[in-house]
Protein backbone atom coordinates (compact mmCIF):
# COMPACT_ATOMS: atom_id res chain seq x y z
CA MET A 1 0.03 0.01 -0.02
CA THR A 2 1.32 3.47 -0.76
CA GLU A 3 0.27 6.78 0.68
CA SER A 4 -1.10 7.92 -2.60
CA LYS A 5 -3.80 5.23 -2.70
CA GLN A 6 -7.29 6.52 -2.58
CA VAL A 7 -10.20 4.49 -1.11
CA THR A 8 -13.39 5.32 -3.12
CA GLN A 9 -17.04 5.47 -2.23
CA ASP A 10 -17.71 2.55 -4.67
CA PHE A 11 -15.26 0.27 -2.86
CA LEU A 12 -16.74 1.15 0.59
CA ASP A 13 -20.39 0.74 -0.38
CA SER A 14 -19.82 -2.40 -2.38
CA ALA A 15 -17.55 -4.17 0.21
CA GLN A 16 -17.48 -3.32 3.89
CA TYR A 17 -20.53 -0.92 4.05
CA LEU A 18 -23.27 -2.72 2.22
CA THR A 19 -26.50 -1.58 3.92
CA THR A 20 -27.22 -5.02 5.18
CA SER A 21 -23.72 -5.06 6.83
CA ILE A 22 -24.24 -1.56 8.25
CA LEU A 23 -27.44 -2.60 9.95
CA GLN A 24 -25.81 -5.72 11.37
CA TYR A 25 -23.00 -3.66 12.78
CA GLU A 26 -25.46 -1.36 14.34
CA ASP A 27 -27.23 -4.21 16.10
CA VAL A 28 -23.82 -4.92 17.75
CA TYR A 29 -22.66 -1.40 18.52
CA GLY A 30 -26.05 0.11 19.42
CA GLU A 31 -28.68 2.24 17.79
CA ASP A 32 -27.22 4.86 15.31
CA PHE A 33 -23.62 3.64 15.88
CA VAL A 34 -21.16 1.62 13.85
CA SER A 35 -17.89 2.14 15.99
CA PRO A 36 -16.60 0.47 18.91
CA GLY A 37 -18.22 1.31 22.35
CA GLY A 38 -21.37 2.81 20.72
CA LYS A 39 -23.05 5.72 22.51
CA SER A 40 -21.19 5.48 25.86
CA MET A 41 -17.82 5.75 24.22
CA ALA A 42 -19.14 8.67 22.14
CA ILE A 43 -20.20 10.44 25.22
CA GLU A 44 -16.76 9.93 26.91
CA MET A 45 -14.95 11.20 23.83
CA ILE A 46 -17.24 14.31 23.31
CA GLU A 47 -16.76 15.32 27.06
CA ARG A 48 -13.13 15.17 26.54
CA MET A 49 -13.29 18.05 24.04
CA GLN A 50 -14.88 20.40 26.65
CA LEU A 51 -16.74 22.47 24.16
CA ALA A 52 -18.93 25.31 25.05
CA PRO A 53 -22.60 25.12 23.93
CA ASP A 54 -23.17 26.15 20.28
CA SER A 55 -19.61 25.31 19.35
CA ARG A 56 -19.42 23.94 15.76
CA VAL A 57 -17.82 20.48 15.21
CA LEU A 58 -16.83 18.71 12.07
CA ASP A 59 -17.61 14.94 12.44
CA VAL A 60 -15.29 13.27 9.82
CA GLY A 61 -16.88 9.88 8.77
CA CYS A 62 -20.12 10.43 10.55
CA GLY A 63 -21.53 7.06 9.73
CA LEU A 64 -25.05 6.58 10.91
CA GLY A 65 -24.91 9.96 12.69
CA GLY A 66 -24.84 8.64 16.30
CA SER A 67 -22.13 10.97 17.66
CA ALA A 68 -23.67 13.95 15.94
CA PHE A 69 -27.07 13.34 17.37
CA VAL A 70 -25.51 12.96 20.84
CA MET A 71 -23.54 16.21 20.41
CA ALA A 72 -26.68 18.08 19.26
CA ARG A 73 -29.08 16.66 21.90
CA GLU A 74 -26.81 16.31 24.93
CA PHE A 75 -24.21 19.02 24.35
CA SER A 76 -26.05 21.63 22.40
CA LEU A 77 -23.40 21.60 19.69
CA PHE A 78 -23.63 22.32 15.93
CA VAL A 79 -22.31 19.50 13.79
CA ASP A 80 -21.38 19.13 10.18
CA GLY A 81 -21.08 15.37 9.44
CA ILE A 82 -19.35 14.15 6.30
CA ASP A 83 -18.90 10.65 5.10
CA LEU A 84 -17.77 8.97 1.85
CA SER A 85 -20.31 6.08 2.21
CA LYS A 86 -23.60 7.00 0.55
CA ASN A 87 -25.17 4.03 2.15
CA MET A 88 -24.23 5.39 5.59
CA LEU A 89 -25.58 8.85 4.68
CA ALA A 90 -28.82 7.67 3.40
CA ILE A 91 -29.65 6.10 6.72
CA ALA A 92 -28.25 9.06 8.73
CA ASN A 93 -30.27 11.73 6.78
CA SER A 94 -33.54 9.67 7.20
CA ARG A 95 -32.95 9.59 10.92
CA LEU A 96 -31.83 13.21 11.05
CA GLN A 97 -35.37 14.16 9.78
CA ALA A 98 -37.05 11.73 12.04
CA TYR A 99 -35.25 13.12 15.16
CA GLY A 100 -36.01 16.68 14.21
CA LEU A 101 -32.35 17.84 14.57
CA SER A 102 -31.77 19.42 11.14
CA HIS A 103 -31.38 22.83 12.93
CA ARG A 104 -28.23 21.55 14.49
CA VAL A 105 -26.98 18.75 12.48
CA ASP A 106 -26.11 18.63 8.62
CA PHE A 107 -24.89 15.62 6.81
CA GLN A 108 -23.07 15.80 3.49
CA TRP A 109 -21.28 13.34 1.11
CA GLN A 110 -17.75 14.64 1.02
CA ASP A 111 -14.13 13.40 0.87
CA CYS A 112 -12.40 14.90 3.89
CA LEU A 113 -9.22 15.51 1.90
CA THR A 114 -11.18 18.09 -0.18
CA LEU A 115 -12.37 20.24 2.81
CA SER A 116 -12.09 23.96 1.83
CA GLN A 117 -13.14 25.70 5.14
CA VAL A 118 -10.40 27.63 6.85
CA ASP A 119 -10.29 28.57 10.57
CA TYR A 120 -13.90 27.36 10.75
CA TYR A 121 -14.49 24.55 13.32
CA ASP A 122 -14.11 24.69 17.00
CA ALA A 123 -13.35 20.94 16.98
CA VAL A 124 -12.79 18.14 14.53
CA TYR A 125 -13.96 14.78 15.82
CA SER A 126 -13.65 11.36 14.21
CA ARG A 127 -14.15 7.71 15.27
CA ASP A 128 -12.24 4.88 13.57
CA VAL A 129 -12.28 6.41 10.08
CA PHE A 130 -8.72 7.47 9.16
CA LEU A 131 -7.63 3.85 8.75
CA HIS A 132 -9.36 4.22 5.27
CA ILE A 133 -7.13 7.23 4.31
CA HIS A 134 -3.73 6.57 2.92
CA ASP A 135 -2.43 10.13 2.55
CA LYS A 136 -2.32 10.97 6.26
CA ALA A 137 0.00 13.95 5.75
CA ARG A 138 -2.61 15.56 3.59
CA LEU A 139 -5.31 14.58 5.91
CA PHE A 140 -3.86 16.31 8.99
CA SER A 141 -2.91 19.33 7.00
CA VAL A 142 -6.45 19.77 5.85
CA LEU A 143 -7.87 19.22 9.33
CA GLU A 144 -5.43 21.64 10.95
CA SER A 145 -6.43 24.31 8.35
CA SER A 146 -10.18 23.79 8.97
CA LEU A 147 -9.79 24.30 12.70
CA ARG A 148 -10.17 27.77 14.28
CA PRO A 149 -7.05 28.87 16.30
CA GLY A 150 -7.20 27.11 19.60
CA GLY A 151 -9.52 24.42 18.14
CA THR A 152 -9.43 20.78 19.12
CA LEU A 153 -8.79 17.61 17.16
CA LEU A 154 -9.94 14.29 18.82
CA PHE A 155 -10.04 10.94 17.10
CA THR A 156 -9.78 7.23 17.84
CA ASP A 157 -8.52 4.95 15.09
CA TYR A 158 -7.30 1.39 14.45
CA CYS A 159 -3.49 1.24 14.84
CA CYS A 160 -0.96 -1.45 14.57
CA GLY A 161 1.88 -3.14 16.38
CA PRO A 162 5.41 -3.35 14.86
CA LYS A 163 5.91 -5.73 11.93
CA PRO A 164 6.20 -8.55 11.20
CA TRP A 165 2.49 -9.08 11.56
CA SER A 166 0.71 -12.37 11.56
CA ASP A 167 -0.43 -13.61 8.12
CA ASP A 168 -4.10 -13.19 9.34
CA PHE A 169 -3.65 -9.63 10.25
CA SER A 170 -1.78 -8.81 7.04
CA ALA A 171 -4.45 -10.28 5.00
CA TYR A 172 -7.24 -8.41 7.08
CA VAL A 173 -5.47 -5.10 6.36
CA GLU A 174 -4.98 -5.93 2.74
CA ASP A 175 -8.47 -7.15 2.19
CA ARG A 176 -9.98 -3.90 3.68
CA GLU A 177 -7.35 -1.64 2.05
CA TYR A 178 -6.56 -0.09 5.41
CA CYS A 179 -3.64 2.14 6.11
CA LEU A 180 -2.61 1.58 9.64
CA HIS A 181 0.18 3.26 11.78
CA LYS A 182 1.80 2.53 15.11
CA LEU A 183 0.73 5.11 17.67
CA ASP A 184 4.01 6.93 17.88
CA GLU A 185 3.96 7.27 13.99
CA TYR A 186 0.50 8.81 14.13
CA ALA A 187 1.52 11.29 16.74
CA GLU A 188 4.48 12.41 14.52
CA LEU A 189 2.25 12.85 11.54
CA ILE A 190 -0.15 15.09 13.60
CA SER A 191 2.74 17.16 14.92
CA ARG A 192 4.15 17.54 11.35
CA ALA A 193 0.93 19.19 10.31
CA GLY A 194 1.50 21.98 12.80
CA LEU A 195 -0.90 20.86 15.51
CA GLU A 196 0.30 21.28 19.09
CA GLN A 197 -0.20 19.54 22.44
CA VAL A 198 -0.47 16.24 20.71
CA THR A 199 -1.36 13.36 22.94
CA CYS A 200 -1.71 9.67 22.01
CA GLN A 201 -3.08 6.91 24.22
CA ASP A 202 -2.99 3.22 23.57
CA ILE A 203 -6.58 2.05 24.57
CA SER A 204 -6.17 -1.49 23.14
CA GLN A 205 -7.20 -3.09 26.44
CA ARG A 206 -10.46 -1.07 26.26
CA PHE A 207 -10.92 -2.37 22.72
CA ILE A 208 -10.35 -6.02 23.90
CA GLU A 209 -12.92 -5.53 26.57
CA ILE A 210 -15.48 -4.05 24.11
CA LEU A 211 -14.80 -6.98 21.74
CA GLN A 212 -15.49 -9.44 24.47
CA SER A 213 -18.69 -7.70 25.38
CA ASP A 214 -19.89 -7.50 21.72
CA ILE A 215 -19.35 -11.24 21.32
CA ASP A 216 -21.66 -11.80 24.16
CA LYS A 217 -24.21 -9.44 22.52
CA ILE A 218 -24.01 -11.19 19.14
CA ALA A 219 -25.15 -14.47 20.90
CA THR A 220 -28.36 -12.75 21.69
CA LEU A 221 -29.29 -11.45 18.26
CA ASN A 222 -31.95 -13.01 16.12
CA PRO A 223 -30.48 -15.83 13.96
CA ALA A 224 -33.26 -15.39 11.39
CA THR A 225 -32.10 -11.96 10.60
CA HIS A 226 -28.41 -12.03 11.40
CA ASP A 227 -25.45 -14.08 10.30
CA LEU A 228 -24.54 -15.00 13.77
CA ALA A 229 -21.78 -17.36 12.84
CA GLY A 230 -20.14 -14.85 10.51
CA LEU A 231 -20.35 -11.91 13.01
CA GLU A 232 -18.93 -14.03 15.89
CA GLN A 233 -16.13 -15.30 13.75
CA SER A 234 -15.28 -11.68 12.67
CA TRP A 235 -15.21 -10.40 16.24
CA ARG A 236 -13.22 -13.33 17.53
CA GLN A 237 -10.61 -12.78 14.82
CA LYS A 238 -10.37 -9.11 15.80
CA LEU A 239 -10.07 -10.20 19.49
CA THR A 240 -7.25 -12.59 18.58
CA ARG A 241 -5.34 -10.00 16.61
CA SER A 242 -5.73 -7.45 19.40
CA VAL A 243 -4.65 -9.87 22.22
CA ALA A 244 -1.56 -10.70 20.00
CA GLY A 245 -0.71 -7.02 19.72
CA ASP A 246 -0.98 -6.70 16.01
CA HIS A 247 -4.29 -4.80 16.14
CA ARG A 248 -4.25 -1.80 18.41
CA TRP A 249 -6.63 1.11 19.14
CA GLY A 250 -5.40 4.58 19.66
CA LEU A 251 -7.01 7.82 21.08
CA PHE A 252 -5.41 11.03 19.88
CA THR A 253 -5.88 14.74 20.63
CA ALA A 254 -4.25 17.88 19.51
CA VAL A 255 -4.84 21.63 19.46
CA LYS A 256 -4.36 24.26 16.74
CA SER A 257 -2.00 26.98 17.61
CA SER A 258 -3.73 30.15 18.75
């Protein structure tokens, strides 16, 4: 994989994010969520940003809109959510209307590498999305530009341990066309973009605990509407990779210079 590789909407929506797959993920993670930890993890991450009411947030890879809905309802924030998956956005926009939150939340199809706003957002938030983006240097440069002076970047993402990886983990990364980095490499990329007060935290043990809880939940789902064997196998494989140290989970924060 090279840093110039570009994951497309067609690839996402025809592979990992088929509508049927999205809805099965949601049944594991919780209503409106397709990222580990669901709503409780989202609340914890949003609280970390310590944003004043009516602050404006960019949610990169907003998925089904779960975090954006929480930001609007429980934190009185304005949120612009963007995603490359049209399948995700179709569901998110239908729920946005049903929830009556369009005065605070807006969802748009957009590649985050093409953002043009400058000094606009009080915070940029993302949950397990940047693994799809190969040009990380450009990514963080664009996000830095979009933040207001003093604005906050917070994201979680899949990371990796040092190579050599297991054959299974290598095949998993290749099949999904992920671009993963070690935590310290991520921190360096963020710093090179001009962001300050960079922190990185290995939360892989938290990921392992969530996976174990998810496996228990999968066993309770309806076998008539869910591929229980497939879901359990997928989650157990992630658990094995994480326990082995190949698959890691990172939490990162940074601030734009004021």
